[in-house]
C-alpha atoms as a PDB file:
ATOM      1  CA  MET A   1      10.370   0.418 -17.642  1.00  0.00           C
ATOM      2  CA  SER A   2       8.769  -2.698 -16.215  1.00  0.00           C
ATOM      3  CA  LEU A   3       9.124  -5.582 -13.810  1.00  0.00           C
ATOM      4  CA  PRO A   4      12.138  -7.756 -14.719  1.00  0.00           C
ATOM      5  CA  SER A   5      10.926 -11.051 -16.187  1.00  0.00           C
ATOM      6  CA  GLU A   6      13.012 -13.115 -13.773  1.00  0.00           C
ATOM      7  CA  LEU A   7      11.460 -11.244 -10.846  1.00  0.00           C
ATOM      8  CA  ALA A   8       7.940 -11.810 -12.194  1.00  0.00           C
ATOM      9  CA  GLU A   9       8.691 -15.529 -12.558  1.00  0.00           C
ATOM     10  CA  GLU A  10      10.052 -15.665  -9.011  1.00  0.00           C
ATOM     11  CA  ILE A  11       6.958 -13.997  -7.575  1.00  0.00           C
ATOM     12  CA  ALA A  12       4.756 -16.405  -9.552  1.00  0.00           C
ATOM     13  CA  ARG A  13       6.525 -19.229  -7.702  1.00  0.00           C
ATOM     14  CA  GLY A  14       5.816 -17.516  -4.382  1.00  0.00           C
ATOM     15  CA  GLU A  15       9.489 -16.652  -3.784  1.00  0.00           C
ATOM     16  CA  ILE A  16      10.795 -13.348  -2.422  1.00  0.00           C
ATOM     17  CA  ALA A  17      14.599 -13.253  -2.790  1.00  0.00           C
ATOM     18  CA  GLY A  18      14.529 -10.854  -5.752  1.00  0.00           C
ATOM     19  CA  LEU A  19      12.035  -8.558  -4.064  1.00  0.00           C
ATOM     20  CA  ARG A  20      13.926  -8.601  -0.786  1.00  0.00           C
ATOM     21  CA  VAL A  21      17.076  -7.069  -2.277  1.00  0.00           C
ATOM     22  CA  ARG A  22      15.055  -4.176  -3.696  1.00  0.00           C
ATOM     23  CA  LEU A  23      13.191  -3.298  -0.492  1.00  0.00           C
ATOM     24  CA  LEU A  24      14.065  -2.050   2.973  1.00  0.00           C
ATOM     25  CA  ARG A  25      15.060  -5.186   4.869  1.00  0.00           C
ATOM     26  CA  GLU A  26      14.331  -3.950   8.383  1.00  0.00           C
ATOM     27  CA  PRO A  27      11.238  -2.044   9.490  1.00  0.00           C
ATOM     28  CA  PRO A  28      11.748   1.268  11.303  1.00  0.00           C
ATOM     29  CA  HIS A  29      10.877   1.551  14.971  1.00  0.00           C
ATOM     30  CA  VAL A  30       7.307   2.361  15.967  1.00  0.00           C
ATOM     31  CA  SER A  31       8.202   6.050  16.360  1.00  0.00           C
ATOM     32  CA  LEU A  32       8.153   6.433  12.605  1.00  0.00           C
ATOM     33  CA  THR A  33       9.848   9.305  10.794  1.00  0.00           C
ATOM     34  CA  PRO A  34       8.201   9.538   7.360  1.00  0.00           C
ATOM     35  CA  THR A  35      10.396  10.139   4.320  1.00  0.00           C
ATOM     36  CA  ARG A  36       7.544  10.051   1.778  1.00  0.00           C
ATOM     37  CA  GLY A  37       4.022  11.382   1.942  1.00  0.00           C
ATOM     38  CA  ASP A  38       1.099  13.448   0.742  1.00  0.00           C
ATOM     39  CA  TYR A  39       3.304  16.538   0.895  1.00  0.00           C
ATOM     40  CA  ASP A  40       5.836  15.267  -1.682  1.00  0.00           C
ATOM     41  CA  LEU A  41       3.853  17.006  -4.422  1.00  0.00           C
ATOM     42  CA  ASN A  42       2.532  19.737  -2.117  1.00  0.00           C
ATOM     43  CA  PRO A  43       5.442  21.027  -0.008  1.00  0.00           C
ATOM     44  CA  SER A  44       3.783  24.385   0.661  1.00  0.00           C
ATOM     45  CA  MET A  45       0.875  22.618   2.407  1.00  0.00           C
ATOM     46  CA  ARG A  46       3.026  20.913   5.051  1.00  0.00           C
ATOM     47  CA  PRO A  47       2.019  22.065   8.568  1.00  0.00           C
ATOM     48  CA  GLY A  48       4.623  24.101  10.397  1.00  0.00           C
ATOM     49  CA  GLY A  49       6.357  22.858  13.548  1.00  0.00           C
ATOM     50  CA  SER A  50       6.356  19.338  14.926  1.00  0.00           C
ATOM     51  CA  ARG A  51       3.389  17.094  14.220  1.00  0.00           C
ATOM     52  CA  GLN A  52       2.262  14.100  16.262  1.00  0.00           C
ATOM     53  CA  LEU A  53       1.528  11.248  13.855  1.00  0.00           C
ATOM     54  CA  ALA A  54      -0.350   8.041  14.661  1.00  0.00           C
ATOM     55  CA  PRO A  55       1.667   4.926  13.691  1.00  0.00           C
ATOM     56  CA  ALA A  56      -0.074   2.588  11.260  1.00  0.00           C
ATOM     57  CA  ALA A  57       0.791  -0.118   8.735  1.00  0.00           C
ATOM     58  CA  VAL A  58      -0.602  -1.481   5.487  1.00  0.00           C
ATOM     59  CA  LEU A  59       0.119  -4.635   3.523  1.00  0.00           C
ATOM     60  CA  LEU A  60       0.986  -4.276  -0.150  1.00  0.00           C
ATOM     61  CA  PRO A  61      -0.223  -7.774  -1.118  1.00  0.00           C
ATOM     62  CA  ILE A  62       1.285  -9.250  -4.295  1.00  0.00           C
ATOM     63  CA  ILE A  63      -0.520 -12.415  -5.330  1.00  0.00           C
ATOM     64  CA  ALA A  64       1.740 -15.159  -6.675  1.00  0.00           C
ATOM     65  CA  ARG A  65      -0.034 -15.834  -9.955  1.00  0.00           C
ATOM     66  CA  LYS A  66       1.467 -16.628 -13.378  1.00  0.00           C
ATOM     67  CA  GLU A  67       1.021 -12.909 -14.019  1.00  0.00           C
ATOM     68  CA  PRO A  68       1.438 -11.380 -10.545  1.00  0.00           C
ATOM     69  CA  THR A  69      -1.310  -9.063  -9.323  1.00  0.00           C
ATOM     70  CA  VAL A  70      -1.798  -6.660  -6.421  1.00  0.00           C
ATOM     71  CA  LEU A  71      -4.838  -6.985  -4.163  1.00  0.00           C
ATOM     72  CA  PHE A  72      -6.773  -3.848  -3.205  1.00  0.00           C
ATOM     73  CA  THR A  73      -9.859  -3.167  -1.149  1.00  0.00           C
ATOM     74  CA  ARG A  74     -12.508  -0.508  -1.556  1.00  0.00           C
ATOM     75  CA  ARG A  75     -13.668   0.919   1.749  1.00  0.00           C
ATOM     76  CA  THR A  76     -17.393   1.024   2.495  1.00  0.00           C
ATOM     77  CA  PRO A  77     -19.084   4.403   1.990  1.00  0.00           C
ATOM     78  CA  HIS A  78     -20.260   4.797   5.598  1.00  0.00           C
ATOM     79  CA  LEU A  79     -16.805   4.873   7.236  1.00  0.00           C
ATOM     80  CA  SER A  80     -15.722   8.082   8.971  1.00  0.00           C
ATOM     81  CA  ARG A  81     -12.274   8.135   7.289  1.00  0.00           C
ATOM     82  CA  HIS A  82     -11.495   7.630   3.612  1.00  0.00           C
ATOM     83  CA  ALA A  83     -14.987   6.303   2.863  1.00  0.00           C
ATOM     84  CA  GLY A  84     -15.323   4.661  -0.555  1.00  0.00           C
ATOM     85  CA  GLN A  85     -11.622   4.957  -1.354  1.00  0.00           C
ATOM     86  CA  VAL A  86      -9.389   2.241  -2.762  1.00  0.00           C
ATOM     87  CA  SER A  87      -6.761   1.190  -0.242  1.00  0.00           C
ATOM     88  CA  PHE A  88      -4.411  -1.534   0.918  1.00  0.00           C
ATOM     89  CA  PRO A  89      -5.566  -3.573   3.915  1.00  0.00           C
ATOM     90  CA  GLY A  90      -4.180  -2.022   7.067  1.00  0.00           C
ATOM     91  CA  GLY A  91      -4.794   0.316   9.937  1.00  0.00           C
ATOM     92  CA  ARG A  92      -3.612   1.900  13.162  1.00  0.00           C
ATOM     93  CA  LEU A  93      -1.123   0.193  15.508  1.00  0.00           C
ATOM     94  CA  HIS A  94      -2.843  -1.455  18.493  1.00  0.00           C
ATOM     95  CA  GLU A  95      -1.192  -1.697  21.901  1.00  0.00           C
ATOM     96  CA  SER A  96      -1.410  -5.487  21.635  1.00  0.00           C
ATOM     97  CA  ASP A  97       0.514  -5.568  18.322  1.00  0.00           C
ATOM     98  CA  PRO A  98       4.129  -6.665  18.900  1.00  0.00           C
ATOM     99  CA  SER A  99       5.242  -4.841  15.728  1.00  0.00           C
ATOM    100  CA  LEU A 100       3.938  -2.851  12.789  1.00  0.00           C
ATOM    101  CA  THR A 101       4.406  -5.928  10.616  1.00  0.00           C
ATOM    102  CA  GLU A 102       1.943  -7.702  12.881  1.00  0.00           C
ATOM    103  CA  THR A 103      -0.397  -4.715  12.558  1.00  0.00           C
ATOM    104  CA  ALA A 104      -0.424  -5.115   8.777  1.00  0.00           C
ATOM    105  CA  LEU A 105      -1.007  -8.873   8.965  1.00  0.00           C
ATOM    106  CA  ARG A 106      -3.711  -8.569  11.633  1.00  0.00           C
ATOM    107  CA  GLU A 107      -5.580  -5.869   9.747  1.00  0.00           C
ATOM    108  CA  THR A 108      -5.317  -7.855   6.519  1.00  0.00           C
ATOM    109  CA  GLN A 109      -6.934 -10.872   8.155  1.00  0.00           C
ATOM    110  CA  GLU A 110      -9.632  -8.764   9.803  1.00  0.00           C
ATOM    111  CA  GLU A 111     -10.496  -6.887   6.601  1.00  0.00           C
ATOM    112  CA  THR A 112     -10.118  -9.624   3.969  1.00  0.00           C
ATOM    113  CA  GLY A 113     -10.085 -12.955   5.809  1.00  0.00           C
ATOM    114  CA  ILE A 114      -6.584 -13.790   4.504  1.00  0.00           C
ATOM    115  CA  ALA A 115      -4.691 -15.591   7.262  1.00  0.00           C
ATOM    116  CA  PRO A 116      -1.041 -14.609   7.969  1.00  0.00           C
ATOM    117  CA  GLU A 117       0.223 -18.065   6.981  1.00  0.00           C
ATOM    118  CA  PHE A 118      -0.581 -17.239   3.344  1.00  0.00           C
ATOM    119  CA  VAL A 119       1.683 -14.148   3.448  1.00  0.00           C
ATOM    120  CA  THR A 120       5.458 -14.123   3.098  1.00  0.00           C
ATOM    121  CA  VAL A 121       6.877 -10.729   4.054  1.00  0.00           C
ATOM    122  CA  ALA A 122       9.458  -9.607   1.490  1.00  0.00           C
ATOM    123  CA  GLY A 123      10.424  -6.235   2.972  1.00  0.00           C
ATOM    124  CA  PHE A 124       9.324  -2.683   3.572  1.00  0.00           C
ATOM    125  CA  LEU A 125       8.921   0.655   1.843  1.00  0.00           C
ATOM    126  CA  ASP A 126       9.630   4.154   3.088  1.00  0.00           C
ATOM    127  CA  CYS A 127       7.322   5.370   5.829  1.00  0.00           C
ATOM    128  CA  TYR A 128       4.505   7.477   4.360  1.00  0.00           C
ATOM    129  CA  GLU A 129       2.928  10.521   6.029  1.00  0.00           C
ATOM    130  CA  THR A 130      -0.722  11.269   5.300  1.00  0.00           C
ATOM    131  CA  GLY A 131      -2.464  14.608   5.494  1.00  0.00           C
ATOM    132  CA  THR A 132      -4.890  13.006   7.955  1.00  0.00           C
ATOM    133  CA  GLY A 133      -2.132  12.500  10.529  1.00  0.00           C
ATOM    134  CA  PHE A 134      -0.850   8.943  10.087  1.00  0.00           C
ATOM    135  CA  ALA A 135       2.689   7.613   9.666  1.00  0.00           C
ATOM    136  CA  ILE A 136       2.189   4.467   7.598  1.00  0.00           C
ATOM    137  CA  LEU A 137       4.692   1.628   7.278  1.00  0.00           C
ATOM    138  CA  PRO A 138       4.048  -0.232   3.979  1.00  0.00           C
ATOM    139  CA  VAL A 139       4.809  -3.942   4.390  1.00  0.00           C
ATOM    140  CA  VAL A 140       5.317  -5.783   1.085  1.00  0.00           C
ATOM    141  CA  GLY A 141       4.087  -9.363   1.154  1.00  0.00           C
ATOM    142  CA  VAL A 142       3.695 -12.165  -1.381  1.00  0.00           C
ATOM    143  CA  LEU A 143       0.429 -14.122  -1.091  1.00  0.00           C
ATOM    144  CA  ARG A 144       0.521 -17.744  -2.143  1.00  0.00           C
ATOM    145  CA  GLU A 145      -2.568 -19.026  -3.890  1.00  0.00           C
ATOM    146  CA  GLY A 146      -5.118 -21.022  -1.935  1.00  0.00           C
ATOM    147  CA  PHE A 147      -6.348 -18.246   0.334  1.00  0.00           C
ATOM    148  CA  VAL A 148     -10.077 -17.545   0.529  1.00  0.00           C
ATOM    149  CA  LEU A 149     -11.353 -13.982   0.548  1.00  0.00           C
ATOM    150  CA  ALA A 150     -13.908 -13.254   3.256  1.00  0.00           C
ATOM    151  CA  PRO A 151     -14.108  -9.442   3.413  1.00  0.00           C
ATOM    152  CA  ASP A 152     -15.510  -7.728   6.487  1.00  0.00           C
ATOM    153  CA  THR A 153     -18.554  -6.065   4.959  1.00  0.00           C
ATOM    154  CA  ASN A 154     -18.528  -3.377   7.664  1.00  0.00           C
ATOM    155  CA  GLU A 155     -15.210  -2.070   6.317  1.00  0.00           C
ATOM    156  CA  VAL A 156     -14.740  -3.485   2.823  1.00  0.00           C
ATOM    157  CA  GLU A 157     -17.183  -2.946  -0.016  1.00  0.00           C
ATOM    158  CA  GLU A 158     -15.168  -5.044  -2.466  1.00  0.00           C
ATOM    159  CA  ALA A 159     -11.740  -6.547  -3.100  1.00  0.00           C
ATOM    160  CA  PHE A 160     -10.142  -6.615  -6.537  1.00  0.00           C
ATOM    161  CA  GLU A 161      -6.836  -7.294  -8.272  1.00  0.00           C
ATOM    162  CA  VAL A 162      -4.729  -5.194 -10.647  1.00  0.00           C
ATOM    163  CA  PRO A 163      -1.830  -6.640 -12.680  1.00  0.00           C
ATOM    164  CA  LEU A 164       1.491  -5.714 -11.098  1.00  0.00           C
ATOM    165  CA  ALA A 165       2.945  -4.934 -14.529  1.00  0.00           C
ATOM    166  CA  PHE A 166       0.221  -2.314 -15.082  1.00  0.00           C
ATOM    167  CA  LEU A 167       1.044  -0.555 -11.823  1.00  0.00           C
ATOM    168  CA  LEU A 168       4.784  -0.510 -12.566  1.00  0.00           C
ATOM    169  CA  ASP A 169       4.372   0.982 -16.045  1.00  0.00           C
ATOM    170  CA  PRO A 170       5.019   4.747 -15.680  1.00  0.00           C
ATOM    171  CA  ARG A 171       2.634   5.407 -18.576  1.00  0.00           C
ATOM    172  CA  ASN A 172      -0.218   4.393 -16.268  1.00  0.00           C
ATOM    173  CA  ARG A 173       0.823   6.810 -13.513  1.00  0.00           C
ATOM    174  CA  GLU A 174      -1.018  10.119 -13.493  1.00  0.00           C
ATOM    175  CA  ARG A 175      -0.616  13.374 -11.601  1.00  0.00           C
ATOM    176  CA  ARG A 176      -3.955  14.959 -10.806  1.00  0.00           C
ATOM    177  CA  SER A 177      -5.112  17.895  -8.721  1.00  0.00           C
ATOM    178  CA  ALA A 178      -8.177  18.699  -6.651  1.00  0.00           C
ATOM    179  CA  GLU A 179      -9.256  21.167  -3.983  1.00  0.00           C
ATOM    180  CA  TRP A 180      -8.772  20.017  -0.390  1.00  0.00           C
ATOM    181  CA  GLN A 181      -9.521  22.190   2.636  1.00  0.00           C
ATOM    182  CA  GLY A 182      -9.814  25.198   0.387  1.00  0.00           C
ATOM    183  CA  ARG A 183      -6.462  24.688  -1.367  1.00  0.00           C
ATOM    184  CA  ARG A 184      -5.429  23.001  -4.600  1.00  0.00           C
ATOM    185  CA  ARG A 185      -3.332  19.875  -4.024  1.00  0.00           C
ATOM    186  CA  GLU A 186      -1.648  17.426  -6.390  1.00  0.00           C
ATOM    187  CA  PHE A 187      -1.584  13.657  -6.014  1.00  0.00           C
ATOM    188  CA  TYR A 188      -0.677  10.501  -7.885  1.00  0.00           C
ATOM    189  CA  ALA A 189      -3.420   8.331  -9.392  1.00  0.00           C
ATOM    190  CA  PHE A 190      -3.934   5.141 -11.403  1.00  0.00           C
ATOM    191  CA  ALA A 191      -7.078   4.306 -13.375  1.00  0.00           C
ATOM    192  CA  TYR A 192      -7.746   0.610 -14.034  1.00  0.00           C
ATOM    193  CA  GLY A 193     -11.153  -0.178 -15.494  1.00  0.00           C
ATOM    194  CA  PRO A 194     -13.753   1.249 -13.094  1.00  0.00           C
ATOM    195  CA  HIS A 195     -11.200   1.578 -10.293  1.00  0.00           C
ATOM    196  CA  HIS A 196      -9.462   4.823  -9.355  1.00  0.00           C
ATOM    197  CA  ILE A 197      -6.449   4.422  -7.094  1.00  0.00           C
ATOM    198  CA  TRP A 198      -5.153   7.698  -5.678  1.00  0.00           C
ATOM    199  CA  GLY A 199      -3.823   9.491  -2.618  1.00  0.00           C
ATOM    200  CA  ALA A 200      -1.638   7.609  -0.144  1.00  0.00           C
ATOM    201  CA  THR A 201      -2.265   4.254  -1.834  1.00  0.00           C
ATOM    202  CA  ALA A 202      -1.027   5.590  -5.178  1.00  0.00           C
ATOM    203  CA  GLY A 203       1.905   7.330  -3.499  1.00  0.00           C
ATOM    204  CA  ILE A 204       2.992   4.061  -1.890  1.00  0.00           C
ATOM    205  CA  LEU A 205       2.724   2.327  -5.281  1.00  0.00           C
ATOM    206  CA  VAL A 206       5.002   4.989  -6.801  1.00  0.00           C
ATOM    207  CA  ASN A 207       7.565   4.355  -4.074  1.00  0.00           C
ATOM    208  CA  PHE A 208       7.314   0.597  -4.716  1.00  0.00           C
ATOM    209  CA  ALA A 209       7.726   1.065  -8.477  1.00  0.00           C
ATOM    210  CA  ASP A 210      10.791   3.259  -7.993  1.00  0.00           C
ATOM    211  CA  ARG A 211      12.429   0.428  -6.050  1.00  0.00           C
ATOM    212  CA  VAL A 212      11.615  -2.625  -8.173  1.00  0.00           C
ATOM    213  CA  ARG A 213      11.233  -1.687 -11.812  1.00  0.00           C
ATOM    214  CA  THR A 214      14.064  -1.680 -14.359  1.00  0.00           C
ATOM    215  CA  SER A 215      14.680  -0.214 -17.803  1.00  0.00           C
END
């Protein structure tokens, strides 16, 4: 299963019509109710009772190249949360953000230097709950070429691209396990060269692949 060739060609032209019909067209309200998350593979680890989650958003940035790619960042090792991990640009909702879409675009510019005018929002994925207490709205955007990367070195150690076709190929999707807080948990992962994409970022990619790939 892979990305349909006509969809790949459309993305390469910087167009979003084909993506839009495969994604959620309207974002949920700020009081997010996650339908996907870290507990998908670990249902027994879900905390009991109600849980207050902090709303956040990330941008899944697809670069409109001849062979489309996805842009990732690696967080700097000194950060208090998710240090050194591969992630999408994004972060917590600020009171000044008019929407979670704006959160994703603002954080992307702050972390990578990519201005919002280079991003065309195609749609949204299912809200994702993390074990660290966030409800993340993934915003899917197509980046037209011409942007200049200027990563914030306080947050981003490096930025790199992975071919979209690689991420959509189920043969490249792994299920791994590791001990977390004294218990064994499972998670999705992708290995591309020296880069290891796992956790919430990989889970969001799985959700994206389930929506856009075809047999």
